Amino acid sequence: MTSTPTPKLGVFSLAALLVSAHYGLGFLLGTAEQTANSGIIGTLYPVSISMGTLLLLLALARFYWNRHEQIWTLLGNQYGDGVRFGVGLLSWASLIGIGAVQIIGGAATLSVIGLPTVPVMVALGVAFVILSQLPLERASWLLRGLLLLNILILIYGLVVLQGLPAYGRSPLDFVYSLQDSPPGYSLGLVLSTFLLVQVDMKYQQYLVQAKDLKTLYLGCGLAGVVLLLLAFVPSNLVLAAQQAQILPPGLESKAVIPQILLWLGGSNPTLGSLLLLSLVIPALGLGSSILRVQTKTVFDLGLVDPNPMTRLLVPLLNGALALAIALRGGSIIGLIASFYAAYVSAVWVPFGGYLFQELGYGSVSKLGVKVALGFGSGAGFSTLGLLLWYPQAVLWHSPELMILALGLGFGLLGLGVGTGVERLRSAPVPLSK
């Protein structure tokens, strides 16, 4: 039975936890990578996260606050254990990409001090597995403290590089830049991020702990605003560093923020290394936490029985999968958003049916939901796999949009097919004369 969290979070505590759920290496290094390659339009992902958080406030925050179960439990209670198992398995699979991002980001960070990328990736994967065996939940305050320190360091970097005036203008510059962005790229990234935030269980676990509705709304609103303010920090820091010409030629775009931190350390290599640790240590914490959540999901779904051997082998398998994806390379934001798209394209048709029924608009076929989940997940994750190994197959300049279109399209088709079959089964058989 799912225990009910005791509502205890105030406005600022709730907002801080919601911000920390998405502010990490993907947010920082991914935004910097996109900005270094494409300019201020690289801020699209963090802006989408912040806007999605504000949309969550208007759409589903109260819904989650009144319910304490994970999404796979909600759907499983309504449509059966098969749906619960399927959605839980999809949640596990979606975390593989997020774990890979921590490996990529950590390796990019350490590359600026001359460490080779592939051995560092392997070492980080092993470290994630080892740390996932340790009870590090109590150290979460330290990880959030380091992220706060990192925010302050980046703002200090903006001041030193005289980037604050450009930061003030950047929201308007960003809006103008949307006109030059391929529509498919923008639509795919925005949709996958928006839809993910609405079903993100990292958010839900904190929403249910708000002490009252007023706290819930104020905390969500504050988190959305803070994320929006933070969205333009890494992008403007990159642009200011390019303007100041402090970046060495040939620097990998993923390593721009670490290089700026090293530059801020000046001639003191110890200080520069400490600044880099403000990125690496949270990556270790988040990477091991992801493996811990994946392991718990595997055990909760009953895929294997928990024992000392499986408690080691399951994280080892999860870590190996994340490492394999990380070694494929690719852009950080592209990897995050593609896994987001595969997950939401599979889950949103069943979840949309659940909301339709909960809001009293009518009943939804149980068989239809089961078939929709099967069709949507098969199409979404097959397309993700194809694009990971053969990126040239992308349509509309957007892997995310291609995954969403096929996953949601087949999900809706499955809903229709399953509903039709169920109606045929329940139709009265005419009596023979």
Protein backbone atom coordinates (compact mmCIF):
# COMPACT_ATOMS: atom_id res chain seq x y z
CA MET A 1 0.00 0.00 0.00
CA THR A 2 1.24 3.50 -0.84
CA SER A 3 1.93 5.59 2.22
CA THR A 4 0.46 9.06 2.24
CA PRO A 5 3.11 11.78 2.63
CA THR A 6 2.48 14.21 5.46
CA PRO A 7 1.81 17.67 3.98
CA LYS A 8 4.51 19.85 5.50
CA LEU A 9 6.27 21.92 2.82
CA GLY A 10 6.01 25.69 2.84
CA VAL A 11 6.09 27.93 -0.22
CA PHE A 12 9.86 28.40 -0.40
CA SER A 13 10.69 24.77 0.43
CA LEU A 14 8.28 23.53 -2.24
CA ALA A 15 9.61 25.97 -4.83
CA ALA A 16 13.23 25.02 -4.04
CA LEU A 17 12.50 21.31 -4.48
CA LEU A 18 10.62 21.87 -7.75
CA VAL A 19 13.51 23.96 -9.11
CA SER A 20 16.09 21.37 -8.05
CA ALA A 21 14.11 18.65 -9.86
CA HIS A 22 15.12 20.12 -13.23
CA TYR A 23 18.06 22.44 -12.54
CA GLY A 24 21.10 20.24 -13.10
CA LEU A 25 23.74 19.35 -15.66
CA GLY A 26 21.18 18.89 -18.44
CA PHE A 27 19.70 22.32 -17.76
CA LEU A 28 23.10 24.03 -17.49
CA LEU A 29 25.43 22.28 -19.91
CA GLY A 30 22.67 21.45 -22.38
CA THR A 31 21.53 25.06 -22.60
CA ALA A 32 25.14 26.23 -22.91
CA GLU A 33 25.81 23.67 -25.65
CA GLN A 34 22.77 24.77 -27.65
CA THR A 35 23.62 28.45 -27.19
CA ALA A 36 27.24 27.96 -28.26
CA ASN A 37 26.00 26.28 -31.44
CA SER A 38 22.85 28.28 -32.25
CA GLY A 39 22.72 31.48 -30.19
CA ILE A 40 20.01 32.62 -27.78
CA ILE A 41 17.48 30.13 -29.25
CA GLY A 42 19.42 27.59 -27.18
CA THR A 43 17.38 28.82 -24.21
CA LEU A 44 14.25 27.12 -25.60
CA TYR A 45 14.54 24.01 -23.39
CA PRO A 46 14.82 25.75 -19.99
CA VAL A 47 12.15 28.27 -21.00
CA SER A 48 9.87 25.34 -21.88
CA ILE A 49 10.56 23.76 -18.47
CA SER A 50 9.59 27.00 -16.70
CA MET A 51 6.47 27.52 -18.82
CA GLY A 52 5.52 23.87 -18.30
CA THR A 53 5.79 24.38 -14.55
CA LEU A 54 3.44 27.38 -14.71
CA LEU A 55 1.05 25.35 -16.89
CA LEU A 56 1.18 22.57 -14.30
CA LEU A 57 0.06 25.16 -11.72
CA LEU A 58 -3.04 25.93 -13.79
CA ALA A 59 -3.80 22.41 -15.03
CA LEU A 60 -2.86 19.52 -12.75
CA ALA A 61 -1.23 20.70 -9.51
CA ARG A 62 -4.44 20.41 -7.49
CA PHE A 63 -5.21 17.06 -9.11
CA TYR A 64 -1.87 15.63 -7.94
CA TRP A 65 -2.19 17.24 -4.51
CA ASN A 66 -5.45 15.34 -3.94
CA ARG A 67 -3.88 12.04 -5.01
CA HIS A 68 -0.72 10.56 -3.58
CA GLU A 69 -0.08 7.58 -5.86
CA GLN A 70 2.43 7.44 -8.70
CA ILE A 71 0.94 7.69 -12.18
CA TRP A 72 1.36 3.96 -12.85
CA THR A 73 -0.60 3.19 -9.67
CA LEU A 74 -3.41 5.59 -10.64
CA LEU A 75 -3.71 4.05 -14.10
CA GLY A 76 -3.27 0.52 -12.78
CA ASN A 77 -6.08 0.93 -10.26
CA GLN A 78 -8.36 2.07 -13.07
CA TYR A 79 -7.32 -0.16 -15.96
CA GLY A 80 -5.61 -3.18 -14.45
CA ASP A 81 -2.20 -4.52 -13.46
CA GLY A 82 -1.05 -4.76 -17.07
CA VAL A 83 -1.29 -0.99 -17.45
CA ARG A 84 0.39 -0.44 -14.08
CA PHE A 85 3.25 -2.69 -15.12
CA GLY A 86 3.56 -1.10 -18.57
CA VAL A 87 3.65 2.50 -17.36
CA GLY A 88 6.11 1.62 -14.59
CA LEU A 89 8.39 -0.07 -17.12
CA LEU A 90 8.20 2.98 -19.40
CA SER A 91 9.13 5.23 -16.49
CA TRP A 92 12.15 3.01 -15.83
CA ALA A 93 13.18 3.17 -19.50
CA SER A 94 12.84 6.96 -19.67
CA LEU A 95 15.34 7.36 -16.84
CA ILE A 96 18.07 5.64 -18.87
CA GLY A 97 18.48 8.79 -20.97
CA ILE A 98 18.59 11.06 -17.92
CA GLY A 99 21.31 8.89 -16.39
CA ALA A 100 23.25 9.04 -19.66
CA VAL A 101 23.07 12.84 -19.57
CA GLN A 102 24.74 12.88 -16.13
CA ILE A 103 27.58 10.75 -17.52
CA ILE A 104 27.98 12.98 -20.59
CA GLY A 105 27.87 16.15 -18.50
CA GLY A 106 30.32 14.87 -15.91
CA ALA A 107 32.79 13.78 -18.60
CA ALA A 108 32.48 17.13 -20.41
CA THR A 109 33.14 18.95 -17.13
CA LEU A 110 36.30 16.97 -16.38
CA SER A 111 37.54 17.20 -19.97
CA VAL A 112 38.59 20.83 -19.41
CA ILE A 113 41.32 19.66 -17.03
CA GLY A 114 42.62 17.20 -19.60
CA LEU A 115 40.91 13.97 -18.53
CA PRO A 116 40.01 11.66 -21.47
CA THR A 117 36.30 11.42 -22.20
CA VAL A 118 35.68 7.68 -22.64
CA PRO A 119 37.59 6.46 -19.53
CA VAL A 120 35.91 9.19 -17.47
CA MET A 121 32.49 8.09 -18.74
CA VAL A 122 33.22 4.51 -17.72
CA ALA A 123 34.49 5.65 -14.31
CA LEU A 124 31.37 7.78 -13.77
CA GLY A 125 29.11 4.86 -14.70
CA VAL A 126 30.91 2.65 -12.15
CA ALA A 127 30.74 5.43 -9.54
CA PHE A 128 26.97 5.77 -10.07
CA VAL A 129 26.51 2.04 -9.44
CA ILE A 130 28.65 2.09 -6.28
CA LEU A 131 27.02 5.22 -4.89
CA SER A 132 23.54 3.84 -5.61
CA GLN A 133 24.28 1.16 -3.00
CA LEU A 134 24.81 3.77 -0.30
CA PRO A 135 22.09 5.57 1.71
CA LEU A 136 22.80 9.04 0.32
CA GLU A 137 19.27 10.46 0.70
CA ARG A 138 20.40 12.38 3.78
CA ALA A 139 23.03 14.16 1.69
CA SER A 140 20.40 15.67 -0.61
CA TRP A 141 20.72 18.99 1.22
CA LEU A 142 24.42 19.06 0.31
CA LEU A 143 23.68 18.46 -3.38
CA ARG A 144 21.06 21.23 -3.43
CA GLY A 145 23.49 23.50 -1.60
CA LEU A 146 26.11 22.89 -4.28
CA LEU A 147 23.58 23.68 -7.00
CA LEU A 148 22.75 26.95 -5.22
CA LEU A 149 26.48 27.69 -5.00
CA ASN A 150 26.75 26.98 -8.71
CA ILE A 151 23.95 29.46 -9.47
CA LEU A 152 25.76 32.16 -7.48
CA ILE A 153 29.03 31.38 -9.28
CA LEU A 154 27.36 31.68 -12.69
CA ILE A 155 25.78 35.00 -11.74
CA TYR A 156 29.20 36.18 -10.54
CA GLY A 157 30.58 35.11 -13.92
CA LEU A 158 27.95 37.23 -15.67
CA VAL A 159 29.02 40.23 -13.60
CA VAL A 160 32.73 39.69 -14.30
CA LEU A 161 32.11 39.24 -18.04
CA GLN A 162 29.80 42.27 -18.11
CA GLY A 163 26.89 40.15 -19.30
CA LEU A 164 24.13 41.58 -17.09
CA PRO A 165 22.89 44.18 -19.64
CA ALA A 166 22.56 41.45 -22.27
CA TYR A 167 20.78 39.25 -19.70
CA GLY A 168 18.15 41.96 -19.27
CA ARG A 169 17.56 42.10 -23.03
CA SER A 170 17.71 38.35 -23.63
CA PRO A 171 14.00 37.48 -23.19
CA LEU A 172 13.12 39.82 -26.06
CA ASP A 173 16.07 38.58 -28.13
CA PHE A 174 14.88 35.02 -27.47
CA VAL A 175 11.35 35.78 -28.72
CA TYR A 176 12.76 37.30 -31.92
CA SER A 177 15.04 34.29 -32.43
CA LEU A 178 12.04 31.95 -32.57
CA GLN A 179 11.22 33.39 -36.00
CA ASP A 180 14.46 31.97 -37.41
CA SER A 181 14.16 28.56 -35.77
CA PRO A 182 12.78 25.63 -37.83
CA PRO A 183 9.13 25.24 -36.73
CA GLY A 184 9.46 21.48 -36.36
CA TYR A 185 12.45 21.82 -34.03
CA SER A 186 10.72 24.35 -31.77
CA LEU A 187 7.39 22.52 -31.72
CA GLY A 188 8.96 19.14 -30.94
CA LEU A 189 11.10 20.44 -28.08
CA VAL A 190 8.31 22.54 -26.54
CA LEU A 191 5.66 19.81 -26.77
CA SER A 192 7.85 17.03 -25.37
CA THR A 193 8.96 19.22 -22.46
CA PHE A 194 5.49 20.61 -21.70
CA LEU A 195 3.88 17.17 -21.74
CA LEU A 196 6.66 15.65 -19.62
CA VAL A 197 6.35 18.25 -16.87
CA GLN A 198 2.63 17.48 -16.55
CA VAL A 199 3.31 13.79 -15.80
CA ASP A 200 6.72 14.18 -14.13
CA MET A 201 6.75 12.11 -10.96
CA LYS A 202 9.78 14.07 -9.71
CA TYR A 203 7.39 17.00 -9.41
CA GLN A 204 4.46 14.97 -8.09
CA GLN A 205 6.41 13.64 -5.10
CA TYR A 206 6.86 17.23 -3.89
CA LEU A 207 3.43 18.60 -4.84
CA VAL A 208 1.66 16.16 -2.54
CA GLN A 209 3.71 17.48 0.40
CA ALA A 210 2.46 21.08 0.13
CA LYS A 211 0.75 21.92 3.42
CA ASP A 212 -2.31 23.53 1.78
CA LEU A 213 -3.66 24.67 -1.59
CA LYS A 214 -2.39 28.22 -1.22
CA THR A 215 1.12 26.91 -0.60
CA LEU A 216 0.76 24.58 -3.59
CA TYR A 217 -0.16 27.39 -5.98
CA LEU A 218 2.37 29.89 -4.66
CA GLY A 219 5.15 27.28 -4.62
CA CYS A 220 4.47 26.20 -8.22
CA GLY A 221 4.24 29.80 -9.38
CA LEU A 222 7.47 30.77 -7.64
CA ALA A 223 9.29 27.72 -9.05
CA GLY A 224 8.15 28.60 -12.58
CA VAL A 225 9.37 32.19 -12.23
CA VAL A 226 12.73 31.15 -10.73
CA LEU A 227 13.28 28.60 -13.51
CA LEU A 228 12.48 31.28 -16.09
CA LEU A 229 15.02 33.64 -14.52
CA LEU A 230 17.62 30.87 -14.41
CA ALA A 231 16.91 29.85 -18.01
CA PHE A 232 18.77 32.87 -19.39
CA VAL A 233 21.81 32.64 -17.09
CA PRO A 234 23.85 29.89 -18.85
CA SER A 235 23.00 31.19 -22.33
CA ASN A 236 24.06 34.75 -21.55
CA LEU A 237 27.19 33.52 -19.81
CA VAL A 238 28.17 31.64 -22.97
CA LEU A 239 27.47 34.65 -25.20
CA ALA A 240 29.44 36.92 -22.85
CA ALA A 241 32.38 34.48 -22.86
CA GLN A 242 32.34 34.37 -26.66
CA GLN A 243 32.25 38.16 -26.77
CA ALA A 244 35.20 38.36 -24.37
CA GLN A 245 37.07 35.70 -26.40
CA ILE A 246 38.07 33.70 -23.33
CA LEU A 247 37.16 30.30 -24.82
CA PRO A 248 39.99 28.31 -26.42
CA PRO A 249 39.53 27.40 -30.10
CA GLY A 250 38.13 23.95 -30.75
CA LEU A 251 36.49 23.70 -27.31
CA GLU A 252 33.60 21.23 -27.31
CA SER A 253 30.33 23.12 -26.80
CA LYS A 254 29.31 20.84 -23.92
CA ALA A 255 32.41 22.00 -22.03
CA VAL A 256 31.82 25.76 -22.33
CA ILE A 257 30.39 26.26 -18.82
CA PRO A 258 33.15 24.15 -17.16
CA GLN A 259 35.76 26.13 -19.11
CA ILE A 260 34.25 29.40 -17.87
CA LEU A 261 34.34 28.10 -14.28
CA LEU A 262 37.99 27.17 -14.75
CA TRP A 263 38.66 30.67 -16.12
CA LEU A 264 36.93 32.23 -13.11
CA GLY A 265 39.38 30.33 -10.91
CA GLY A 266 42.14 32.39 -12.52
CA SER A 267 45.71 31.39 -11.87
CA ASN A 268 44.68 29.31 -8.84
CA PRO A 269 44.16 25.74 -10.14
CA THR A 270 42.80 24.61 -6.77
CA LEU A 271 40.01 27.19 -6.91
CA GLY A 272 39.20 26.24 -10.50
CA SER A 273 38.98 22.56 -9.55
CA LEU A 274 36.70 23.38 -6.62
CA LEU A 275 34.40 25.33 -8.93
CA LEU A 276 34.23 22.31 -11.24
CA LEU A 277 33.29 20.12 -8.29
CA SER A 278 30.13 22.21 -7.87
CA LEU A 279 29.04 20.54 -11.12
CA VAL A 280 30.54 17.07 -10.75
CA ILE A 281 29.33 16.24 -7.23
CA PRO A 282 25.64 16.98 -7.97
CA ALA A 283 26.00 14.87 -11.13
CA LEU A 284 27.26 11.97 -9.00
CA GLY A 285 24.37 12.45 -6.58
CA LEU A 286 21.72 12.66 -9.29
CA GLY A 287 23.18 9.80 -11.33
CA SER A 288 23.23 7.44 -8.35
CA SER A 289 19.74 8.61 -7.33
CA ILE A 290 18.43 7.72 -10.80
CA LEU A 291 19.86 4.20 -10.52
CA ARG A 292 18.28 3.90 -7.07
CA VAL A 293 14.87 4.90 -8.42
CA GLN A 294 15.21 2.52 -11.38
CA THR A 295 16.16 -0.34 -9.07
CA LYS A 296 13.19 0.35 -6.80
CA THR A 297 10.90 0.43 -9.84
CA VAL A 298 12.19 -2.96 -11.03
CA PHE A 299 11.56 -4.46 -7.60
CA ASP A 300 8.16 -2.77 -7.17
CA LEU A 301 7.03 -4.15 -10.54
CA GLY A 302 8.07 -7.64 -9.47
CA LEU A 303 10.45 -8.17 -12.40
CA VAL A 304 12.95 -9.81 -10.04
CA ASP A 305 12.95 -10.62 -6.35
CA PRO A 306 15.09 -8.32 -4.18
CA ASN A 307 18.10 -10.09 -2.69
CA PRO A 308 21.77 -9.16 -2.20
CA MET A 309 22.69 -10.39 -5.69
CA THR A 310 19.90 -8.60 -7.58
CA ARG A 311 20.42 -5.42 -5.54
CA LEU A 312 23.85 -5.26 -7.19
CA LEU A 313 23.05 -6.69 -10.63
CA VAL A 314 20.01 -4.48 -11.33
CA PRO A 315 21.88 -1.17 -10.76
CA LEU A 316 24.79 -2.61 -12.76
CA LEU A 317 22.48 -3.30 -15.71
CA ASN A 318 20.87 0.14 -15.41
CA GLY A 319 24.28 1.80 -15.27
CA ALA A 320 25.51 -0.19 -18.28
CA LEU A 321 22.48 0.91 -20.34
CA ALA A 322 23.03 4.57 -19.41
CA LEU A 323 26.73 4.26 -20.26
CA ALA A 324 25.94 2.69 -23.64
CA ILE A 325 23.66 5.61 -24.52
CA ALA A 326 26.23 8.14 -23.25
CA LEU A 327 28.98 6.61 -25.39
CA ARG A 328 26.80 7.21 -28.47
CA GLY A 329 27.22 10.95 -27.88
CA GLY A 330 24.91 13.57 -29.35
CA SER A 331 23.55 16.79 -27.90
CA ILE A 332 22.50 16.86 -24.26
CA ILE A 333 19.15 18.59 -24.85
CA GLY A 334 18.44 16.35 -27.83
CA LEU A 335 19.00 13.25 -25.72
CA ILE A 336 16.86 14.50 -22.83
CA ALA A 337 14.00 15.64 -25.04
CA SER A 338 14.01 12.45 -27.14
CA PHE A 339 13.58 10.26 -24.07
CA TYR A 340 10.93 12.68 -22.79
CA ALA A 341 9.09 12.39 -26.11
CA ALA A 342 9.17 8.58 -26.11
CA TYR A 343 7.78 8.43 -22.57
CA VAL A 344 4.99 10.99 -22.97
CA SER A 345 3.97 9.66 -26.40
CA ALA A 346 3.31 6.30 -24.74
CA VAL A 347 1.73 7.52 -21.50
CA TRP A 348 -0.35 10.53 -22.48
CA VAL A 349 -3.15 8.71 -24.34
CA PRO A 350 -3.87 6.39 -21.36
CA PHE A 351 -3.44 9.27 -18.90
CA GLY A 352 -5.64 11.53 -21.02
CA GLY A 353 -8.31 8.82 -20.98
CA TYR A 354 -8.00 8.60 -17.21
CA LEU A 355 -8.44 12.37 -16.83
CA PHE A 356 -11.41 12.29 -19.25
CA GLN A 357 -13.08 9.70 -17.05
CA GLU A 358 -12.13 11.33 -13.73
CA LEU A 359 -13.55 14.68 -14.84
CA GLY A 360 -16.87 13.02 -15.58
CA TYR A 361 -16.92 13.36 -19.36
CA GLY A 362 -17.60 9.67 -19.90
CA SER A 363 -16.08 6.22 -19.57
CA VAL A 364 -13.01 4.96 -21.42
CA SER A 365 -12.56 1.42 -22.63
CA LYS A 366 -10.15 -0.60 -20.47
CA LEU A 367 -9.10 -2.67 -23.45
CA GLY A 368 -8.71 0.54 -25.47
CA VAL A 369 -6.30 1.95 -22.87
CA LYS A 370 -4.28 -1.28 -22.79
CA VAL A 371 -3.97 -1.42 -26.58
CA ALA A 372 -3.18 2.32 -26.70
CA LEU A 373 -0.34 1.82 -24.22
CA GLY A 374 1.05 -1.07 -26.24
CA PHE A 375 0.79 0.67 -29.61
CA GLY A 376 2.06 4.03 -28.31
CA SER A 377 5.02 2.64 -26.37
CA GLY A 378 6.00 0.34 -29.23
CA ALA A 379 5.93 3.15 -31.78
CA GLY A 380 7.51 5.79 -29.53
CA PHE A 381 10.42 3.75 -28.21
CA SER A 382 11.04 2.03 -31.57
CA THR A 383 11.35 5.46 -33.17
CA LEU A 384 13.66 6.58 -30.35
CA GLY A 385 15.89 3.54 -30.91
CA LEU A 386 15.95 4.15 -34.66
CA LEU A 387 16.98 7.80 -34.23
CA LEU A 388 19.63 6.99 -31.62
CA TRP A 389 21.37 4.60 -34.00
CA TYR A 390 20.46 6.22 -37.32
CA PRO A 391 19.92 9.98 -36.78
CA GLN A 392 19.66 10.61 -40.53
CA ALA A 393 16.14 9.13 -40.46
CA VAL A 394 14.76 12.18 -38.64
CA LEU A 395 11.73 14.00 -40.08
CA TRP A 396 10.73 17.68 -39.74
CA HIS A 397 14.19 18.63 -38.34
CA SER A 398 13.04 17.26 -34.97
CA PRO A 399 13.54 13.79 -33.43
CA GLU A 400 11.13 14.79 -30.66
CA LEU A 401 8.32 15.73 -33.04
CA MET A 402 8.80 12.53 -35.04
CA ILE A 403 8.66 10.41 -31.87
CA LEU A 404 5.60 12.28 -30.58
CA ALA A 405 3.74 12.06 -33.88
CA LEU A 406 4.26 8.32 -34.24
CA GLY A 407 3.83 7.46 -30.55
CA LEU A 408 0.70 9.55 -29.98
CA GLY A 409 -0.70 8.64 -33.40
CA PHE A 410 -0.38 4.91 -32.81
CA GLY A 411 -1.61 5.38 -29.23
CA LEU A 412 -4.82 7.00 -30.48
CA LEU A 413 -5.13 4.27 -33.10
CA GLY A 414 -4.77 1.64 -30.37
CA LEU A 415 -7.41 3.37 -28.25
CA GLY A 416 -9.82 3.24 -31.18
CA VAL A 417 -9.03 -0.38 -32.04
CA GLY A 418 -9.31 -1.57 -28.44
CA THR A 419 -12.55 0.33 -27.89
CA GLY A 420 -14.03 -1.13 -31.07
CA VAL A 421 -13.07 -4.68 -30.13
CA GLU A 422 -14.51 -4.27 -26.64
CA ARG A 423 -17.81 -2.99 -28.04
CA LEU A 424 -18.00 -5.90 -30.47
CA ARG A 425 -17.39 -8.34 -27.62
CA SER A 426 -20.13 -6.80 -25.48
CA ALA A 427 -22.66 -6.48 -28.31
CA PRO A 428 -25.69 -8.76 -27.83
CA VAL A 429 -25.68 -11.85 -30.02
CA PRO A 430 -28.84 -11.97 -32.17
CA LEU A 431 -31.01 -15.00 -31.53
CA SER A 432 -31.23 -17.42 -34.42
CA LYS A 433 -34.71 -18.10 -35.79
